[in-house]
């Protein structure tokens, strides 16, 4: 599950990168491609951090739920 989420996020980033490069080549905004790529790299790092935080939170929740269910079964 986590691999598919990572893959989906990276595919989205690559698609955004392609659009960004196309716009840079056309020169509509006047910004250099290197500048835009730097901004996109920062966005990728932010997405990776958010994804990592989400995964860690999900795994912690899963472990807490497992422990809770084990205690409930033990009490029965």
PDB file of N, CA and C in Angstrom:
ATOM      1  N   UNK A   1       0.824  -1.190   0.000  1.00  0.00           N
ATOM      2  CA  UNK A   1       0.000   0.000   0.000  1.00  0.00           C
ATOM      3  C   UNK A   1       0.865   1.249   0.000  1.00  0.00           C
ATOM      4  N   UNK A   2       1.906   1.234   0.814  1.00  0.00           N
ATOM      5  CA  UNK A   2       2.730   2.428   0.884  1.00  0.00           C
ATOM      6  C   UNK A   2       3.526   2.627  -0.402  1.00  0.00           C
ATOM      7  N   UNK A   3       3.919   1.520  -1.063  1.00  0.00           N
ATOM      8  CA  UNK A   3       4.642   1.656  -2.323  1.00  0.00           C
ATOM      9  C   UNK A   3       3.760   2.282  -3.392  1.00  0.00           C
ATOM     10  N   UNK A   4       2.489   1.901  -3.440  1.00  0.00           N
ATOM     11  CA  UNK A   4       1.601   2.474  -4.448  1.00  0.00           C
ATOM     12  C   UNK A   4       1.344   3.952  -4.177  1.00  0.00           C
ATOM     13  N   UNK A   5       1.282   4.342  -2.918  1.00  0.00           N
ATOM     14  CA  UNK A   5       1.091   5.758  -2.587  1.00  0.00           C
ATOM     15  C   UNK A   5       2.316   6.569  -2.992  1.00  0.00           C
ATOM     16  N   UNK A   6       3.486   6.021  -2.738  1.00  0.00           N
ATOM     17  CA  UNK A   6       4.724   6.710  -3.110  1.00  0.00           C
ATOM     18  C   UNK A   6       4.807   6.824  -4.628  1.00  0.00           C
ATOM     19  N   UNK A   7       4.484   5.732  -5.321  1.00  0.00           N
ATOM     20  CA  UNK A   7       4.524   5.737  -6.780  1.00  0.00           C
ATOM     21  C   UNK A   7       3.552   6.765  -7.345  1.00  0.00           C
ATOM     22  N   UNK A   8       2.344   6.810  -6.795  1.00  0.00           N
ATOM     23  CA  UNK A   8       1.347   7.772  -7.270  1.00  0.00           C
ATOM     24  C   UNK A   8       1.823   9.204  -7.050  1.00  0.00           C
ATOM     25  N   UNK A   9       2.423   9.463  -5.898  1.00  0.00           N
ATOM     26  CA  UNK A   9       2.923  10.808  -5.612  1.00  0.00           C
ATOM     27  C   UNK A   9       4.045  11.183  -6.576  1.00  0.00           C
ATOM     28  N   UNK A  10       4.948  10.248  -6.826  1.00  0.00           N
ATOM     29  CA  UNK A  10       6.058  10.539  -7.731  1.00  0.00           C
ATOM     30  C   UNK A  10       5.584  10.722  -9.172  1.00  0.00           C
ATOM     31  N   UNK A  11       4.587   9.953  -9.601  1.00  0.00           N
ATOM     32  CA  UNK A  11       4.035  10.124 -10.950  1.00  0.00           C
ATOM     33  C   UNK A  11       3.419  11.514 -11.081  1.00  0.00           C
ATOM     34  N   UNK A  12       2.697  11.943 -10.056  1.00  0.00           N
ATOM     35  CA  UNK A  12       2.116  13.285 -10.078  1.00  0.00           C
ATOM     36  C   UNK A  12       3.175  14.360 -10.163  1.00  0.00           C
ATOM     37  N   UNK A  13       4.260  14.165  -9.434  1.00  0.00           N
ATOM     38  CA  UNK A  13       5.345  15.141  -9.456  1.00  0.00           C
ATOM     39  C   UNK A  13       6.005  15.168 -10.833  1.00  0.00           C
ATOM     40  N   UNK A  14       6.208  14.008 -11.424  1.00  0.00           N
ATOM     41  CA  UNK A  14       6.817  13.949 -12.755  1.00  0.00           C
ATOM     42  C   UNK A  14       5.921  14.634 -13.785  1.00  0.00           C
ATOM     43  N   UNK A  15       4.620  14.408 -13.698  1.00  0.00           N
ATOM     44  CA  UNK A  15       3.698  15.062 -14.627  1.00  0.00           C
ATOM     45  C   UNK A  15       3.752  16.580 -14.454  1.00  0.00           C
ATOM     46  N   UNK A  16       3.818  17.032 -13.212  1.00  0.00           N
ATOM     47  CA  UNK A  16       3.929  18.470 -12.957  1.00  0.00           C
ATOM     48  C   UNK A  16       5.247  19.006 -13.504  1.00  0.00           C
ATOM     49  N   UNK A  17       6.299  18.221 -13.368  1.00  0.00           N
ATOM     50  CA  UNK A  17       7.603  18.622 -13.893  1.00  0.00           C
ATOM     51  C   UNK A  17       7.560  18.771 -15.409  1.00  0.00           C
ATOM     52  N   UNK A  18       6.908  17.846 -16.084  1.00  0.00           N
ATOM     53  CA  UNK A  18       6.796  17.918 -17.542  1.00  0.00           C
ATOM     54  C   UNK A  18       6.057  19.184 -17.956  1.00  0.00           C
ATOM     55  N   UNK A  19       4.945  19.478 -17.299  1.00  0.00           N
ATOM     56  CA  UNK A  19       4.190  20.692 -17.626  1.00  0.00           C
ATOM     57  C   UNK A  19       5.019  21.940 -17.344  1.00  0.00           C
ATOM     58  N   UNK A  20       5.759  21.905 -16.249  1.00  0.00           N
ATOM     59  CA  UNK A  20       6.586  23.043 -15.877  1.00  0.00           C
ATOM     60  C   UNK A  20       7.672  23.284 -16.918  1.00  0.00           C
ATOM     61  N   UNK A  21       8.292  22.231 -17.388  1.00  0.00           N
ATOM     62  CA  UNK A  21       9.340  22.367 -18.402  1.00  0.00           C
ATOM     63  C   UNK A  21       8.752  22.879 -19.709  1.00  0.00           C
ATOM     64  N   UNK A  22       7.577  22.366 -20.085  1.00  0.00           N
ATOM     65  CA  UNK A  22       6.933  22.846 -21.312  1.00  0.00           C
ATOM     66  C   UNK A  22       6.649  24.345 -21.229  1.00  0.00           C
ATOM     67  N   UNK A  23       6.166  24.789 -20.085  1.00  0.00           N
ATOM     68  CA  UNK A  23       5.897  26.218 -19.924  1.00  0.00           C
ATOM     69  C   UNK A  23       7.194  27.018 -19.953  1.00  0.00           C
ATOM     70  N   UNK A  24       8.252  26.463 -19.360  1.00  0.00           N
ATOM     71  CA  UNK A  24       9.539  27.153 -19.347  1.00  0.00           C
ATOM     72  C   UNK A  24      10.116  27.308 -20.735  1.00  0.00           C
ATOM     73  N   UNK A  25       9.941  26.284 -21.555  1.00  0.00           N
ATOM     74  CA  UNK A  25      10.443  26.338 -22.924  1.00  0.00           C
ATOM     75  C   UNK A  25       9.682  27.391 -23.716  1.00  0.00           C
ATOM     76  N   UNK A  26       8.404  27.489 -23.476  1.00  0.00           N
ATOM     77  CA  UNK A  26       7.602  28.485 -24.184  1.00  0.00           C
ATOM     78  C   UNK A  26       7.929  29.895 -23.714  1.00  0.00           C
ATOM     79  N   UNK A  27       8.436  30.012 -22.493  1.00  0.00           N
ATOM     80  CA  UNK A  27       8.852  31.311 -21.990  1.00  0.00           C
ATOM     81  C   UNK A  27       7.716  32.256 -21.664  1.00  0.00           C
ATOM     82  N   UNK A  28       6.594  31.733 -21.233  1.00  0.00           N
ATOM     83  CA  UNK A  28       5.443  32.596 -20.961  1.00  0.00           C
ATOM     84  C   UNK A  28       5.672  33.505 -19.757  1.00  0.00           C
ATOM     85  N   UNK A  29       6.264  32.968 -18.700  1.00  0.00           N
ATOM     86  CA  UNK A  29       6.415  33.757 -17.483  1.00  0.00           C
ATOM     87  C   UNK A  29       7.775  34.428 -17.368  1.00  0.00           C
ATOM     88  N   UNK A  30       8.702  34.069 -18.207  1.00  0.00           N
ATOM     89  CA  UNK A  30      10.001  34.710 -18.171  1.00  0.00           C
ATOM     90  C   UNK A  30      10.955  34.152 -17.134  1.00  0.00           C
ATOM     91  N   UNK A  31      10.527  33.214 -16.294  1.00  0.00           N
ATOM     92  CA  UNK A  31      11.427  32.616 -15.309  1.00  0.00           C
ATOM     93  C   UNK A  31      12.298  31.564 -15.979  1.00  0.00           C
ATOM     94  N   UNK A  32      13.491  31.396 -15.453  1.00  0.00           N
ATOM     95  CA  UNK A  32      14.383  30.398 -16.030  1.00  0.00           C
ATOM     96  C   UNK A  32      13.939  28.995 -15.624  1.00  0.00           C
ATOM     97  N   UNK A  33      14.295  28.041 -16.445  1.00  0.00           N
ATOM     98  CA  UNK A  33      13.938  26.647 -16.170  1.00  0.00           C
ATOM     99  C   UNK A  33      14.627  26.172 -14.893  1.00  0.00           C
ATOM    100  N   UNK A  34      15.869  26.611 -14.672  1.00  0.00           N
ATOM    101  CA  UNK A  34      16.597  26.194 -13.474  1.00  0.00           C
ATOM    102  C   UNK A  34      15.877  26.659 -12.207  1.00  0.00           C
ATOM    103  N   UNK A  35      15.364  27.872 -12.240  1.00  0.00           N
ATOM    104  CA  UNK A  35      14.629  28.402 -11.088  1.00  0.00           C
ATOM    105  C   UNK A  35      13.375  27.578 -10.830  1.00  0.00           C
ATOM    106  N   UNK A  36      12.648  27.283 -11.888  1.00  0.00           N
ATOM    107  CA  UNK A  36      11.421  26.498 -11.744  1.00  0.00           C
ATOM    108  C   UNK A  36      11.723  25.085 -11.267  1.00  0.00           C
ATOM    109  N   UNK A  37      12.795  24.496 -11.784  1.00  0.00           N
ATOM    110  CA  UNK A  37      13.167  23.159 -11.330  1.00  0.00           C
ATOM    111  C   UNK A  37      13.541  23.175  -9.852  1.00  0.00           C
ATOM    112  N   UNK A  38      14.193  24.220  -9.418  1.00  0.00           N
ATOM    113  CA  UNK A  38      14.522  24.352  -7.998  1.00  0.00           C
ATOM    114  C   UNK A  38      13.273  24.423  -7.142  1.00  0.00           C
ATOM    115  N   UNK A  39      12.284  25.194  -7.601  1.00  0.00           N
ATOM    116  CA  UNK A  39      11.019  25.264  -6.869  1.00  0.00           C
ATOM    117  C   UNK A  39      10.332  23.905  -6.822  1.00  0.00           C
ATOM    118  N   UNK A  40      10.369  23.207  -7.939  1.00  0.00           N
ATOM    119  CA  UNK A  40       9.741  21.884  -7.995  1.00  0.00           C
ATOM    120  C   UNK A  40      10.469  20.892  -7.088  1.00  0.00           C
ATOM    121  N   UNK A  41      11.782  20.982  -7.027  1.00  0.00           N
ATOM    122  CA  UNK A  41      12.539  20.122  -6.116  1.00  0.00           C
ATOM    123  C   UNK A  41      12.124  20.376  -4.673  1.00  0.00           C
ATOM    124  N   UNK A  42      11.915  21.633  -4.324  1.00  0.00           N
ATOM    125  CA  UNK A  42      11.455  21.955  -2.973  1.00  0.00           C
ATOM    126  C   UNK A  42      10.077  21.362  -2.705  1.00  0.00           C
ATOM    127  N   UNK A  43       9.196  21.433  -3.698  1.00  0.00           N
ATOM    128  CA  UNK A  43       7.862  20.854  -3.540  1.00  0.00           C
ATOM    129  C   UNK A  43       7.939  19.340  -3.383  1.00  0.00           C
ATOM    130  N   UNK A  44       8.843  18.711  -4.124  1.00  0.00           N
ATOM    131  CA  UNK A  44       9.016  17.262  -4.004  1.00  0.00           C
ATOM    132  C   UNK A  44       9.471  16.905  -2.595  1.00  0.00           C
ATOM    133  N   UNK A  45      10.419  17.655  -2.065  1.00  0.00           N
ATOM    134  CA  UNK A  45      10.892  17.387  -0.706  1.00  0.00           C
ATOM    135  C   UNK A  45       9.768  17.558   0.313  1.00  0.00           C
ATOM    136  N   UNK A  46       8.944  18.584   0.127  1.00  0.00           N
ATOM    137  CA  UNK A  46       7.810  18.788   1.029  1.00  0.00           C
ATOM    138  C   UNK A  46       6.825  17.629   0.942  1.00  0.00           C
ATOM    139  N   UNK A  47       6.534  17.161  -0.283  1.00  0.00           N
ATOM    140  CA  UNK A  47       5.622  16.029  -0.451  1.00  0.00           C
ATOM    141  C   UNK A  47       6.183  14.766   0.186  1.00  0.00           C
ATOM    142  N   UNK A  48       7.473  14.539   0.017  1.00  0.00           N
ATOM    143  CA  UNK A  48       8.091  13.357   0.635  1.00  0.00           C
ATOM    144  C   UNK A  48       7.996  13.433   2.155  1.00  0.00           C
ATOM    145  N   UNK A  49       8.233  14.611   2.704  1.00  0.00           N
ATOM    146  CA  UNK A  49       8.142  14.779   4.150  1.00  0.00           C
ATOM    147  C   UNK A  49       6.723  14.534   4.634  1.00  0.00           C
ATOM    148  N   UNK A  50       5.738  15.098   3.940  1.00  0.00           N
ATOM    149  CA  UNK A  50       4.341  14.890   4.322  1.00  0.00           C
ATOM    150  C   UNK A  50       3.951  13.428   4.204  1.00  0.00           C
ATOM    151  N   UNK A  51       4.405  12.772   3.136  1.00  0.00           N
ATOM    152  CA  UNK A  51       4.096  11.355   2.949  1.00  0.00           C
ATOM    153  C   UNK A  51       4.729  10.521   4.052  1.00  0.00           C
ATOM    154  N   UNK A  52       5.966  10.834   4.409  1.00  0.00           N
ATOM    155  CA  UNK A  52       6.651  10.109   5.481  1.00  0.00           C
ATOM    156  C   UNK A  52       5.927  10.305   6.807  1.00  0.00           C
ATOM    157  N   UNK A  53       5.518  11.531   7.100  1.00  0.00           N
ATOM    158  CA  UNK A  53       4.781  11.802   8.336  1.00  0.00           C
ATOM    159  C   UNK A  53       3.455  11.057   8.362  1.00  0.00           C
ATOM    160  N   UNK A  54       2.760  11.025   7.212  1.00  0.00           N
ATOM    161  CA  UNK A  54       1.494  10.301   7.131  1.00  0.00           C
ATOM    162  C   UNK A  54       1.710   8.813   7.367  1.00  0.00           C
ATOM    163  N   UNK A  55       2.734   8.253   6.739  1.00  0.00           N
ATOM    164  CA  UNK A  55       3.010   6.829   6.905  1.00  0.00           C
ATOM    165  C   UNK A  55       3.344   6.504   8.355  1.00  0.00           C
ATOM    166  N   UNK A  56       4.168   7.323   8.982  1.00  0.00           N
ATOM    167  CA  UNK A  56       4.537   7.083  10.374  1.00  0.00           C
ATOM    168  C   UNK A  56       3.301   7.156  11.262  1.00  0.00           C
ATOM    169  N   UNK A  57       2.455   8.149  11.053  1.00  0.00           N
ATOM    170  CA  UNK A  57       1.227   8.262  11.835  1.00  0.00           C
ATOM    171  C   UNK A  57       0.306   7.078  11.621  1.00  0.00           C
ATOM    172  N   UNK A  58       0.198   6.626  10.367  1.00  0.00           N
ATOM    173  CA  UNK A  58      -0.651   5.472  10.074  1.00  0.00           C
ATOM    174  C   UNK A  58      -0.116   4.227  10.750  1.00  0.00           C
ATOM    175  N   UNK A  59       1.188   4.007  10.695  1.00  0.00           N
ATOM    176  CA  UNK A  59       1.767   2.819  11.316  1.00  0.00           C
ATOM    177  C   UNK A  59       1.618   2.860  12.833  1.00  0.00           C
ATOM    178  N   UNK A  60       1.758   4.047  13.423  1.00  0.00           N
ATOM    179  CA  UNK A  60       1.558   4.170  14.868  1.00  0.00           C
ATOM    180  C   UNK A  60       0.112   3.866  15.230  1.00  0.00           C
ATOM    181  N   UNK A  61      -0.825   4.386  14.443  1.00  0.00           N
ATOM    182  CA  UNK A  61      -2.238   4.107  14.682  1.00  0.00           C
ATOM    183  C   UNK A  61      -2.514   2.614  14.557  1.00  0.00           C
ATOM    184  N   UNK A  62      -1.961   1.998  13.529  1.00  0.00           N
ATOM    185  CA  UNK A  62      -2.174   0.564  13.316  1.00  0.00           C
ATOM    186  C   UNK A  62      -1.648  -0.245  14.497  1.00  0.00           C
ATOM    187  N   UNK A  63      -0.488   0.127  15.005  1.00  0.00           N
ATOM    188  CA  UNK A  63       0.087  -0.599  16.140  1.00  0.00           C
ATOM    189  C   UNK A  63      -0.750  -0.391  17.403  1.00  0.00           C
ATOM    190  N   UNK A  64      -1.207   0.841  17.633  1.00  0.00           N
ATOM    191  CA  UNK A  64      -2.056   1.103  18.799  1.00  0.00           C
ATOM    192  C   UNK A  64      -3.359   0.320  18.712  1.00  0.00           C
ATOM    193  N   UNK A  65      -3.942   0.249  17.522  1.00  0.00           N
ATOM    194  CA  UNK A  65      -5.184  -0.510  17.343  1.00  0.00           C
ATOM    195  C   UNK A  65      -4.945  -1.992  17.580  1.00  0.00           C
ATOM    196  N   UNK A  66      -3.820  -2.496  17.099  1.00  0.00           N
ATOM    197  CA  UNK A  66      -3.497  -3.907  17.303  1.00  0.00           C
ATOM    198  C   UNK A  66      -3.356  -4.225  18.784  1.00  0.00           C
ATOM    199  N   UNK A  67      -2.681  -3.354  19.521  1.00  0.00           N
ATOM    200  CA  UNK A  67      -2.504  -3.556  20.959  1.00  0.00           C
ATOM    201  C   UNK A  67      -3.847  -3.484  21.673  1.00  0.00           C
ATOM    202  N   UNK A  68      -4.667  -2.509  21.300  1.00  0.00           N
ATOM    203  CA  UNK A  68      -5.984  -2.366  21.931  1.00  0.00           C
ATOM    204  C   UNK A  68      -6.834  -3.608  21.697  1.00  0.00           C
ATOM    205  N   UNK A  69      -6.847  -4.112  20.467  1.00  0.00           N
ATOM    206  CA  UNK A  69      -7.648  -5.303  20.160  1.00  0.00           C
ATOM    207  C   UNK A  69      -7.119  -6.524  20.903  1.00  0.00           C
ATOM    208  N   UNK A  70      -5.801  -6.614  21.035  1.00  0.00           N
ATOM    209  CA  UNK A  70      -5.215  -7.739  21.767  1.00  0.00           C
ATOM    210  C   UNK A  70      -5.622  -7.678  23.232  1.00  0.00           C
ATOM    211  N   UNK A  71      -5.641  -6.485  23.815  1.00  0.00           N
ATOM    212  CA  UNK A  71      -6.055  -6.342  25.220  1.00  0.00           C
ATOM    213  C   UNK A  71      -7.530  -6.688  25.391  1.00  0.00           C
ATOM    214  N   UNK A  72      -8.357  -6.261  24.439  1.00  0.00           N
ATOM    215  CA  UNK A  72      -9.786  -6.564  24.521  1.00  0.00           C
ATOM    216  C   UNK A  72     -10.036  -8.064  24.428  1.00  0.00           C
ATOM    217  N   UNK A  73      -9.306  -8.739  23.557  1.00  0.00           N
ATOM    218  CA  UNK A  73      -9.451 -10.188  23.445  1.00  0.00           C
ATOM    219  C   UNK A  73      -8.970 -10.879  24.709  1.00  0.00           C
ATOM    220  N   UNK A  74      -7.926 -10.346  25.314  1.00  0.00           N
ATOM    221  CA  UNK A  74      -7.379 -10.928  26.542  1.00  0.00           C
ATOM    222  C   UNK A  74      -8.369 -10.769  27.691  1.00  0.00           C
ATOM    223  N   UNK A  75      -9.059  -9.622  27.750  1.00  0.00           N
ATOM    224  CA  UNK A  75     -10.018  -9.362  28.825  1.00  0.00           C
ATOM    225  C   UNK A  75     -11.258 -10.239  28.716  1.00  0.00           C
ATOM    226  N   UNK A  76     -11.569 -10.703  27.529  1.00  0.00           N
ATOM    227  CA  UNK A  76     -12.776 -11.519  27.341  1.00  0.00           C
ATOM    228  C   UNK A  76     -12.586 -12.882  27.844  1.00  0.00           C
TER     229      UNK A  76
END
